[in-house]
Protein backbone atom coordinates (compact mmCIF):
# COMPACT_ATOMS: atom_id res chain seq x y z
CA UNK A 1 -31.84 17.87 1.22
CA UNK A 2 -32.30 17.20 4.95
CA UNK A 3 -34.95 14.61 4.12
CA UNK A 4 -32.56 12.92 1.67
CA UNK A 5 -29.85 12.78 4.35
CA UNK A 6 -32.21 11.23 6.88
CA UNK A 7 -33.43 8.66 4.35
CA UNK A 8 -29.86 7.67 3.47
CA UNK A 9 -28.89 7.48 7.15
CA UNK A 10 -31.89 5.22 7.77
CA UNK A 11 -30.74 3.00 4.89
CA UNK A 12 -27.23 2.77 6.35
CA UNK A 13 -28.62 1.97 9.81
CA UNK A 14 -30.86 -0.72 8.37
CA UNK A 15 -27.96 -2.36 6.54
CA UNK A 16 -25.86 -2.44 9.69
CA UNK A 17 -28.62 -3.88 11.83
CA UNK A 18 -29.56 -6.50 9.22
CA UNK A 19 -26.15 -8.19 9.04
CA UNK A 20 -24.22 -9.05 12.22
CA UNK A 21 -21.00 -9.63 10.27
CA UNK A 22 -21.11 -6.21 8.63
CA UNK A 23 -21.99 -4.55 11.94
CA UNK A 24 -19.12 -6.37 13.65
CA UNK A 25 -16.58 -5.24 11.04
CA UNK A 26 -17.93 -1.68 11.19
CA UNK A 27 -17.67 -1.52 14.97
CA UNK A 28 -14.23 -3.17 15.05
CA UNK A 29 -12.91 -0.64 12.54
CA UNK A 30 -14.19 2.22 14.70
CA UNK A 31 -12.64 0.64 17.81
CA UNK A 32 -9.30 0.53 15.99
CA UNK A 33 -9.21 4.31 15.71
CA UNK A 34 -8.48 5.10 19.42
CA UNK A 35 -5.36 2.93 19.21
CA UNK A 36 -4.27 4.81 16.10
CA UNK A 37 -4.86 8.12 17.83
CA UNK A 38 -2.80 7.03 20.83
CA UNK A 39 0.10 6.03 18.55
CA UNK A 40 0.16 9.67 17.46
CA UNK A 41 -0.23 11.04 20.99
CA UNK A 42 2.64 8.84 22.23
CA UNK A 43 4.89 10.01 19.40
CA UNK A 44 4.10 13.67 20.03
CA UNK A 45 4.91 13.18 23.73
CA UNK A 46 8.21 11.50 22.82
CA UNK A 47 9.04 14.42 20.52
CA UNK A 48 8.26 16.96 23.29
CA UNK A 49 5.62 18.71 21.21
CA UNK A 50 2.48 17.57 23.06
CA UNK A 51 0.77 20.39 24.94
CA UNK A 52 -1.19 19.91 28.17
CA UNK A 53 -2.39 16.86 30.05
CA UNK A 54 -1.19 13.51 28.67
CA UNK A 55 -4.24 11.24 28.46
CA UNK A 56 -4.13 7.57 29.48
CA UNK A 57 -3.98 4.89 26.76
CA UNK A 58 -7.18 3.18 25.60
CA UNK A 59 -8.18 0.06 27.50
CA UNK A 60 -5.99 -2.86 26.50
CA UNK A 61 -3.76 -0.74 24.27
CA UNK A 62 -0.21 -1.95 23.48
CA UNK A 63 2.31 0.00 21.44
CA UNK A 64 1.93 -0.97 17.81
CA UNK A 65 -1.78 -1.83 18.11
CA UNK A 66 -2.65 1.12 15.89
CA UNK A 67 -1.11 3.04 13.01
CA UNK A 68 -0.08 6.68 13.21
CA UNK A 69 -1.36 7.01 9.62
CA UNK A 70 -4.91 7.20 11.01
CA UNK A 71 -3.91 9.25 14.03
CA UNK A 72 -6.26 12.21 13.41
CA UNK A 73 -9.21 10.34 11.89
CA UNK A 74 -11.04 9.89 15.19
CA UNK A 75 -10.57 13.57 16.08
CA UNK A 76 -11.96 14.72 12.73
CA UNK A 77 -14.95 12.37 12.87
CA UNK A 78 -15.75 13.64 16.37
CA UNK A 79 -15.47 17.21 15.09
CA UNK A 80 -17.02 17.16 11.58
CA UNK A 81 -17.18 20.96 11.38
CA UNK A 82 -13.35 20.91 11.21
CA UNK A 83 -13.46 18.83 8.04
CA UNK A 84 -13.02 20.77 4.80
CA UNK A 85 -16.38 20.00 3.24
CA UNK A 86 -15.66 22.18 0.19
CA UNK A 87 -13.87 19.14 -1.27
CA UNK A 88 -17.22 17.29 -1.58
CA UNK A 89 -19.64 17.42 -4.48
CA UNK A 90 -23.33 17.82 -3.54
CA UNK A 91 -23.77 14.05 -3.81
CA UNK A 92 -20.68 13.41 -1.66
CA UNK A 93 -21.94 15.92 0.89
CA UNK A 94 -25.12 13.85 1.13
CA UNK A 95 -23.07 10.67 1.70
CA UNK A 96 -20.92 12.45 4.28
CA UNK A 97 -23.83 13.88 6.30
CA UNK A 98 -25.51 10.46 6.41
CA UNK A 99 -22.32 8.77 7.58
CA UNK A 100 -21.86 11.33 10.34
CA UNK A 101 -25.36 10.58 11.62
CA UNK A 102 -24.57 6.86 11.74
CA UNK A 103 -21.16 7.40 13.33
CA UNK A 104 -22.75 9.41 16.13
CA UNK A 105 -24.35 6.18 17.31
CA UNK A 106 -21.14 4.24 17.95
CA UNK A 107 -18.06 6.43 17.46
CA UNK A 108 -15.55 6.34 20.35
CA UNK A 109 -14.63 9.71 21.81
CA UNK A 110 -11.33 11.37 20.90
CA UNK A 111 -8.53 12.29 23.31
CA UNK A 112 -6.83 14.57 20.80
CA UNK A 113 -7.11 18.27 21.59
CA UNK A 114 -7.45 21.17 19.19
CA UNK A 115 -4.12 22.77 20.09
CA UNK A 116 -2.29 19.49 19.44
CA UNK A 117 -4.13 18.68 16.23
CA UNK A 118 -3.45 22.20 14.97
CA UNK A 119 0.28 21.67 15.53
CA UNK A 120 0.46 19.90 12.17
CA UNK A 121 -1.01 22.85 10.27
CA UNK A 122 2.22 24.80 10.72
CA UNK A 123 4.74 22.14 11.70
CA UNK A 124 6.15 18.94 10.28
CA UNK A 125 7.47 15.84 12.04
CA UNK A 126 9.17 12.83 10.48
CA UNK A 127 7.81 9.61 11.95
CA UNK A 128 9.93 6.53 12.72
CA UNK A 129 9.15 4.98 9.31
CA UNK A 130 9.86 8.23 7.47
CA UNK A 131 6.22 9.32 7.13
CA UNK A 132 5.76 13.10 6.99
CA UNK A 133 3.34 14.22 9.69
CA UNK A 134 1.77 17.46 8.49
CA UNK A 135 -1.43 18.63 6.78
CA UNK A 136 0.03 19.48 3.35
CA UNK A 137 -1.24 17.47 0.40
CA UNK A 138 -0.21 13.80 0.46
CA UNK A 139 1.37 14.11 3.91
CA UNK A 140 -0.11 11.91 6.64
CA UNK A 141 -2.70 14.43 7.87
CA UNK A 142 -3.95 15.68 4.54
CA UNK A 143 -7.73 15.32 4.95
CA UNK A 144 -7.85 13.35 1.73
CA UNK A 145 -6.85 10.35 3.85
CA UNK A 146 -10.00 10.90 5.89
CA UNK A 147 -11.93 10.57 2.64
CA UNK A 148 -10.19 7.23 2.06
CA UNK A 149 -11.53 6.07 5.44
CA UNK A 150 -15.01 7.30 4.53
CA UNK A 151 -14.79 5.12 1.43
CA UNK A 152 -13.71 2.18 3.58
CA UNK A 153 -16.76 2.75 5.78
CA UNK A 154 -18.96 2.78 2.65
CA UNK A 155 -17.39 -0.45 1.40
CA UNK A 156 -17.95 -2.05 4.80
CA UNK A 157 -21.58 -0.95 5.25
CA UNK A 158 -22.64 -1.78 1.68
CA UNK A 159 -20.49 -4.93 1.49
CA UNK A 160 -18.95 -3.65 -1.73
CA UNK A 161 -15.94 -5.97 -2.03
CA UNK A 162 -15.38 -6.74 -5.71
CA UNK A 163 -15.63 -10.52 -5.29
CA UNK A 164 -17.18 -10.77 -1.85
CA UNK A 165 -15.11 -12.02 1.09
CA UNK A 166 -12.65 -14.11 -0.93
CA UNK A 167 -10.19 -13.41 -3.72
CA UNK A 168 -11.50 -13.95 -7.26
CA UNK A 169 -10.83 -17.46 -8.54
CA UNK A 170 -9.47 -16.22 -11.88
CA UNK A 171 -6.50 -18.49 -12.69
CA UNK A 172 -3.26 -16.51 -12.47
CA UNK A 173 -1.31 -16.19 -15.71
CA UNK A 174 2.18 -17.64 -16.08
CA UNK A 175 4.04 -15.18 -18.31
CA UNK A 176 7.38 -15.71 -20.00
CA UNK A 177 9.45 -12.52 -19.96
CA UNK A 178 11.45 -12.31 -23.15
CA UNK A 179 14.78 -10.70 -23.87
CA UNK A 180 14.13 -7.39 -25.55
CA UNK A 181 17.54 -5.87 -24.86
CA UNK A 182 20.34 -8.17 -26.07
CA UNK A 183 21.24 -10.67 -23.38
CA UNK A 184 19.31 -8.91 -20.61
CA UNK A 185 15.80 -8.26 -19.35
CA UNK A 186 15.16 -5.02 -17.47
CA UNK A 187 12.25 -4.78 -15.05
CA UNK A 188 11.41 -1.40 -13.50
CA UNK A 189 9.76 -1.72 -10.09
CA UNK A 190 7.77 1.16 -8.66
CA UNK A 191 5.80 1.41 -5.42
CA UNK A 192 2.95 3.54 -4.09
CA UNK A 193 2.89 5.77 -7.14
CA UNK A 194 -0.80 6.54 -7.69
CA UNK A 195 -1.02 10.26 -6.96
CA UNK A 196 -1.76 11.43 -10.49
CA UNK A 197 0.39 14.54 -10.03
CA UNK A 198 3.65 16.13 -11.12
CA UNK A 199 5.78 13.82 -8.95
CA UNK A 200 4.30 10.74 -10.60
CA UNK A 201 4.79 12.34 -14.01
CA UNK A 202 8.48 12.89 -13.26
CA UNK A 203 8.88 9.35 -11.94
CA UNK A 204 7.38 7.94 -15.12
CA UNK A 205 9.67 10.13 -17.21
CA UNK A 206 12.65 8.90 -15.20
CA UNK A 207 11.65 5.27 -15.79
CA UNK A 208 10.96 5.84 -19.48
CA UNK A 209 14.43 7.27 -20.05
CA UNK A 210 16.01 4.05 -18.80
CA UNK A 211 14.04 1.98 -21.35
CA UNK A 212 13.00 -0.98 -19.20
CA UNK A 213 11.48 -3.97 -20.94
CA UNK A 214 8.72 -4.25 -18.34
CA UNK A 215 7.26 -2.14 -15.49
CA UNK A 216 5.79 -3.53 -12.26
CA UNK A 217 3.83 -1.45 -9.74
CA UNK A 218 3.53 -2.98 -6.25
CA UNK A 219 0.34 -1.06 -5.52
CA UNK A 220 -1.39 1.95 -3.96
CA UNK A 221 -3.54 4.38 -5.87
CA UNK A 222 -4.73 7.35 -3.83
CA UNK A 223 -6.70 8.19 -1.99
CA UNK A 224 -8.70 4.98 -2.40
CA UNK A 225 -8.32 3.86 -6.02
CA UNK A 226 -12.00 4.52 -6.58
CA UNK A 227 -13.97 3.28 -9.60
CA UNK A 228 -15.47 5.64 -12.13
CA UNK A 229 -18.69 7.42 -11.12
CA UNK A 230 -20.72 5.70 -13.85
CA UNK A 231 -19.24 2.24 -13.17
CA UNK A 232 -20.50 -0.40 -10.73
CA UNK A 233 -21.22 1.17 -7.33
CA UNK A 234 -19.49 4.39 -8.39
CA UNK A 235 -22.26 6.40 -6.75
CA UNK A 236 -21.36 4.97 -3.32
CA UNK A 237 -17.84 6.44 -3.21
CA UNK A 238 -16.21 9.78 -2.54
CA UNK A 239 -13.76 11.09 -5.18
CA UNK A 240 -14.75 8.60 -7.92
CA UNK A 241 -12.45 7.79 -10.82
CA UNK A 242 -9.10 7.74 -9.00
CA UNK A 243 -7.91 4.43 -10.44
CA UNK A 244 -8.20 5.87 -13.93
CA UNK A 245 -7.12 9.47 -13.29
CA UNK A 246 -4.29 8.75 -10.85
CA UNK A 247 -2.80 5.60 -12.41
CA UNK A 248 -3.97 4.66 -15.89
CA UNK A 249 -3.77 8.20 -17.23
CA UNK A 250 -0.09 8.50 -16.30
CA UNK A 251 0.99 5.01 -17.41
CA UNK A 252 3.02 4.95 -20.67
CA UNK A 253 0.63 3.48 -23.27
CA UNK A 254 3.39 1.73 -25.25
CA UNK A 255 3.94 -0.50 -22.20
CA UNK A 256 0.49 -2.07 -22.61
CA UNK A 257 0.97 -5.81 -22.15
CA UNK A 258 4.38 -5.24 -20.59
CA UNK A 259 3.09 -3.81 -17.32
CA UNK A 260 1.86 -5.28 -14.06
CA UNK A 261 0.13 -3.79 -11.01
CA UNK A 262 -0.70 -5.26 -7.61
CA UNK A 263 -3.63 -4.72 -5.28
CA UNK A 264 -3.15 -2.61 -2.13
CA UNK A 265 -4.75 -1.47 1.09
CA UNK A 266 -5.79 1.85 -0.46
CA UNK A 267 -7.49 0.20 -3.41
CA UNK A 268 -9.30 -2.08 -0.96
CA UNK A 269 -10.85 1.02 0.64
CA UNK A 270 -13.15 1.13 -2.37
CA UNK A 271 -13.58 -2.65 -2.35
CA UNK A 272 -10.91 -3.16 -5.06
CA UNK A 273 -13.67 -2.35 -7.55
CA UNK A 274 -11.61 0.32 -9.30
CA UNK A 275 -8.55 -1.94 -9.28
CA UNK A 276 -10.28 -4.91 -10.90
CA UNK A 277 -12.64 -3.01 -13.20
CA UNK A 278 -10.64 0.04 -14.28
CA UNK A 279 -7.00 -1.06 -13.96
CA UNK A 280 -7.27 -4.76 -14.81
CA UNK A 281 -10.48 -4.81 -16.91
CA UNK A 282 -11.08 -8.14 -15.18
CA UNK A 283 -14.59 -8.70 -16.58
CA UNK A 284 -13.10 -8.88 -20.09
CA UNK A 285 -10.01 -10.86 -19.15
CA UNK A 286 -7.87 -7.71 -19.30
CA UNK A 287 -8.31 -7.18 -23.03
CA UNK A 288 -8.64 -3.39 -22.77
CA UNK A 289 -6.22 -2.97 -19.89
CA UNK A 290 -2.73 -1.48 -19.89
CA UNK A 291 -2.01 -4.46 -17.63
CA UNK A 292 -3.51 -6.93 -20.12
CA UNK A 293 -0.81 -9.57 -19.47
CA UNK A 294 -2.42 -10.21 -16.05
CA UNK A 295 -5.65 -11.34 -17.77
CA UNK A 296 -7.69 -9.80 -14.97
CA UNK A 297 -5.87 -11.58 -12.13
CA UNK A 298 -4.48 -9.73 -9.11
CA UNK A 299 -1.61 -12.21 -8.77
CA UNK A 300 0.68 -13.71 -11.40
CA UNK A 301 3.87 -15.59 -12.22
CA UNK A 302 6.60 -14.09 -14.41
CA UNK A 303 9.10 -16.60 -15.77
CA UNK A 304 12.64 -15.30 -16.15
CA UNK A 305 14.81 -18.13 -17.45
CA UNK A 306 15.14 -20.59 -14.57
CA UNK A 307 13.78 -18.05 -12.06
CA UNK A 308 10.23 -17.14 -10.98
CA UNK A 309 9.11 -13.58 -10.33
CA UNK A 310 5.99 -13.89 -8.22
CA UNK A 311 3.45 -11.10 -7.77
CA UNK A 312 0.97 -11.79 -4.96
CA UNK A 313 -2.13 -9.96 -3.77
CA UNK A 314 -1.43 -9.18 -0.11
CA UNK A 315 -4.46 -6.89 0.25
CA UNK A 316 -7.68 -8.67 -0.69
CA UNK A 317 -7.50 -11.26 2.09
CA UNK A 318 -6.26 -8.73 4.68
CA UNK A 319 -8.58 -7.45 7.40
CA UNK A 320 -11.10 -4.63 7.23
CA UNK A 321 -10.81 -4.08 10.95
CA UNK A 322 -7.27 -2.67 10.83
CA UNK A 323 -7.93 -0.84 7.56
CA UNK A 324 -6.02 -3.49 5.56
CA UNK A 325 -2.77 -2.22 7.08
CA UNK A 326 -1.39 -5.73 7.76
CA UNK A 327 -0.93 -7.83 4.65
CA UNK A 328 -2.22 -11.36 4.13
CA UNK A 329 -2.47 -13.90 1.32
CA UNK A 330 -5.23 -15.70 3.19
CA UNK A 331 -5.48 -19.05 4.89
CA UNK A 332 -3.85 -22.29 3.66
CA UNK A 333 -7.15 -23.14 1.94
CA UNK A 334 -7.39 -19.81 0.06
CA UNK A 335 -6.67 -19.57 -3.64
CA UNK A 336 -3.17 -18.05 -3.63
CA UNK A 337 -1.74 -20.54 -1.14
CA UNK A 338 -3.36 -23.47 -2.95
CA UNK A 339 -1.97 -22.23 -6.25
CA UNK A 340 1.55 -21.92 -4.86
CA UNK A 341 1.40 -25.36 -3.33
CA UNK A 342 0.39 -26.77 -6.71
CA UNK A 343 2.80 -24.67 -8.80
CA UNK A 344 5.68 -25.26 -6.34
CA UNK A 345 8.25 -22.64 -7.41
CA UNK A 346 11.73 -23.12 -6.00
CA UNK A 347 12.02 -20.55 -3.17
CA UNK A 348 15.78 -20.31 -3.77
CA UNK A 349 15.04 -18.97 -7.27
CA UNK A 350 11.92 -16.94 -6.50
CA UNK A 351 11.73 -13.16 -6.29
CA UNK A 352 8.55 -12.00 -4.58
CA UNK A 353 6.63 -8.77 -5.09
CA UNK A 354 3.81 -7.69 -2.76
CA UNK A 355 2.29 -4.43 -1.68
CA UNK A 356 2.61 -5.10 2.05
CA UNK A 357 5.86 -5.29 3.96
CA UNK A 358 7.28 -8.47 5.48
CA UNK A 359 8.56 -6.71 8.58
CA UNK A 360 8.51 -3.27 10.13
CA UNK A 361 10.99 -0.79 8.63
CA UNK A 362 12.83 -0.39 11.93
CA UNK A 363 12.85 -4.19 12.44
CA UNK A 364 10.67 -3.86 15.52
CA UNK A 365 8.33 -6.67 14.45
CA UNK A 366 7.73 -9.31 11.78
CA UNK A 367 4.45 -9.25 9.88
CA UNK A 368 2.21 -12.36 9.98
CA UNK A 369 2.48 -12.15 6.20
CA UNK A 370 6.01 -13.55 6.39
CA UNK A 371 4.89 -16.84 7.94
CA UNK A 372 2.08 -17.12 5.36
CA UNK A 373 4.57 -16.66 2.52
CA UNK A 374 7.09 -19.06 4.06
CA UNK A 375 4.46 -21.77 4.52
CA UNK A 376 2.96 -21.33 1.05
CA UNK A 377 6.34 -21.42 -0.70
CA UNK A 378 7.91 -24.04 1.53
CA UNK A 379 10.69 -21.60 2.41
CA UNK A 380 11.73 -17.96 2.26
CA UNK A 381 11.95 -16.32 -1.17
CA UNK A 382 15.39 -15.42 -2.49
CA UNK A 383 14.41 -11.75 -2.62
CA UNK A 384 11.30 -9.76 -1.71
CA UNK A 385 10.40 -6.26 -2.94
CA UNK A 386 7.51 -4.48 -1.21
CA UNK A 387 5.88 -1.06 -0.90
CA UNK A 388 3.30 0.16 1.65
CA UNK A 389 6.00 1.87 3.75
CA UNK A 390 6.81 5.12 1.97
CA UNK A 391 10.58 4.82 1.92
CA UNK A 392 13.50 3.46 -0.07
CA UNK A 393 15.36 0.87 2.03
CA UNK A 394 17.76 -2.01 1.34
CA UNK A 395 18.28 -4.51 4.17
CA UNK A 396 21.36 -6.65 4.56
CA UNK A 397 21.23 -10.40 4.02
CA UNK A 398 20.92 -12.24 6.30
CA UNK A 399 18.75 -9.95 8.36
CA UNK A 400 17.86 -10.73 11.99
CA UNK A 401 15.22 -9.54 14.43
CA UNK A 402 16.46 -11.02 17.70
CA UNK A 403 13.74 -9.40 19.84
CA UNK A 404 10.87 -10.85 17.80
CA UNK A 405 8.94 -13.64 19.49
CA UNK A 406 10.21 -16.09 18.42
CA UNK A 407 13.45 -14.57 17.15
CA UNK A 408 13.58 -14.18 13.38
CA UNK A 409 16.35 -14.55 10.81
CA UNK A 410 16.17 -14.77 7.04
CA UNK A 411 18.58 -14.79 4.11
CA UNK A 412 15.98 -13.12 1.89
CA UNK A 413 17.17 -9.96 0.15
CA UNK A 414 14.46 -7.66 1.54
CA UNK A 415 13.77 -4.27 -0.07
CA UNK A 416 11.25 -1.50 0.46
CA UNK A 417 10.43 0.77 -2.49
CA UNK A 418 7.23 2.54 -1.53
CA UNK A 419 8.81 5.92 -2.19
CA UNK A 420 7.66 6.78 -5.71
CA UNK A 421 5.27 9.65 -5.06
CA UNK A 422 4.39 10.51 -1.46
CA UNK A 423 6.51 12.77 0.78
CA UNK A 424 8.82 10.93 3.20
CA UNK A 425 11.98 11.41 5.23
CA UNK A 426 14.86 9.41 6.73
CA UNK A 427 14.19 6.71 9.28
CA UNK A 428 16.32 6.06 12.31
CA UNK A 429 18.41 3.00 11.32
CA UNK A 430 17.77 -0.12 13.39
CA UNK A 431 20.66 -1.57 15.40
CA UNK A 432 23.42 -3.80 14.07
CA UNK A 433 23.71 -2.07 10.69
CA UNK A 434 20.84 -4.05 9.19
CA UNK A 435 19.97 -1.35 6.67
CA UNK A 436 22.78 -1.23 4.11
CA UNK A 437 21.23 1.64 2.14
CA UNK A 438 18.43 4.13 2.44
CA UNK A 439 17.66 6.96 0.05
CA UNK A 440 20.27 9.60 0.93
CA UNK A 441 19.35 12.70 -1.04
CA UNK A 442 17.41 15.39 0.77
CA UNK A 443 15.16 17.82 -1.05
CA UNK A 444 15.96 21.53 -0.67
CA UNK A 445 13.57 21.79 2.31
CA UNK A 446 16.13 19.75 4.28
CA UNK A 447 13.72 17.23 5.87
CA UNK A 448 12.22 15.22 3.03
CA UNK A 449 13.95 12.83 0.62
CA UNK A 450 13.66 12.57 -3.14
CA UNK A 451 11.15 10.14 -4.60
CA UNK A 452 12.47 7.15 -6.50
CA UNK A 453 12.14 3.66 -7.96
CA UNK A 454 14.23 0.56 -8.74
CA UNK A 455 15.41 -1.42 -11.76
CA UNK A 456 16.17 -5.13 -11.79
CA UNK A 457 18.43 -6.23 -14.66
CA UNK A 458 18.62 -9.94 -15.41
CA UNK A 459 21.50 -11.31 -17.48
CA UNK A 460 20.80 -14.64 -19.15
CA UNK A 461 22.99 -17.27 -20.79
CA UNK A 462 21.52 -20.35 -22.47
CA UNK A 463 18.18 -19.68 -20.85
CA UNK A 464 19.55 -19.43 -17.31
CA UNK A 465 19.92 -16.31 -15.19
CA UNK A 466 23.59 -15.61 -14.49
CA UNK A 467 23.35 -12.18 -12.83
CA UNK A 468 20.69 -10.05 -11.16
CA UNK A 469 21.58 -6.43 -10.54
CA UNK A 470 19.43 -3.91 -8.71
CA UNK A 471 19.70 -0.16 -9.30
CA UNK A 472 17.82 2.42 -7.27
CA UNK A 473 17.11 5.77 -8.91
CA UNK A 474 15.77 9.03 -7.52
CA UNK A 475 14.66 12.37 -8.99
CA UNK A 476 17.75 14.26 -7.83
CA UNK A 477 19.95 13.01 -10.69
CA UNK A 478 20.09 10.59 -13.63
CA UNK A 479 22.59 7.88 -12.54
CA UNK A 480 21.53 5.24 -9.99
CA UNK A 481 21.99 6.27 -6.37
CA UNK A 482 22.58 2.66 -5.31
CA UNK A 483 23.62 -0.45 -7.26
CA UNK A 484 24.17 -3.99 -6.11
CA UNK A 485 24.31 -7.54 -7.45
CA UNK A 486 21.90 -9.72 -5.50
CA UNK A 487 22.84 -12.78 -7.55
CA UNK A 488 25.83 -13.66 -9.65
CA UNK A 489 27.35 -16.84 -11.04
CA UNK A 490 30.16 -15.10 -12.86
CA UNK A 491 31.87 -11.74 -13.18
CA UNK A 492 30.47 -9.31 -15.72
């Protein structure tokens, strides 16, 4: 076994040394981790729970340079004996031991201390975006997220991206959504649902009871949406088969051809191989997929009367070096932007769906993704529904971020619905009342909120949309917890 580990480590080292681009991405990803760790340290200090000496920030660090989501990764990688290795199969243990040998060559040191890391074993904090900071399953410091990072390292070293460095050139389908309910079309929208557990099962039951005509998932299958073990490159990944076991298995089969799913940062951790092969069945044009209407494409156009519902892939063209945390649709010469410039939907009658958020939940910053979308569309979309942030939030329109540089204002109806399956809590509302609704119902533990989803109901008359109503549901009760018309030409 030791010989096998050394041979695999030598193979990894050879791959890194043979390709400067791969080595650069690998090193940049590792250099991102100290900033993530310091985001966590700073938050613990602000919450008065940090014990002992407060370390200085990493060289060049600015608040927001990292993500608290990866706040303990560097500590664990520096202390591999603290990692629960019972979760690995013998083959995964071999992969893990080889990676640790390689990481020893270039891993930055950690400033986290044992007493502070152990705080999360018995305590729980709610971060500014509502993330639950604890070590219970699916919370931010569940070690399953470390495994997701290990898969990202594997994808980086072996260059395992499904279609290489650019998005597949599969032409996106343009799909007419038909009235199934008399006079209306109902689209259920769900975000960050791929846990494959009881919460997802209850969410799907909740959706099914409301009888939507279509279901759209804005992405994230956990921990890394891995492909099946016997599929392409399945032997390179930890926890294989997640795309099938944590998404497909729980999807209602009678919605085949009436379902859509977007790519995400977590599915990119395994190179989007599970997403394209096991969710989309891209090699066969989606014939065998529950999401067959997409015809193997990770982006698509849904036609709703005189409106366009646009699903874009904000993950594939994002950056490895910040763990795909910041969304992107690529450069102006990349396929999605070129398609939009040719298709030319009217932004004033376009509803956008992406995995990644357009701005920070507390309105502290605007994502570069917003400018990419604005430039590709020739204006801001009428409405934008995203996930990625595990919360249920409705922003007012217009919404303003006066302290952005430059200052930012949009009339877009912006919504976050990444709250389908993972634990989360309330966020501190930003100033000026710019959140008009956030999920209000606390679970019995008193800190976390109920998981939920949204329904968009389109009323049509003579082929034109006359009303668009949004309803947010949660698992605390059957009726919607929030309802609102985002568009109306007449009273219902």
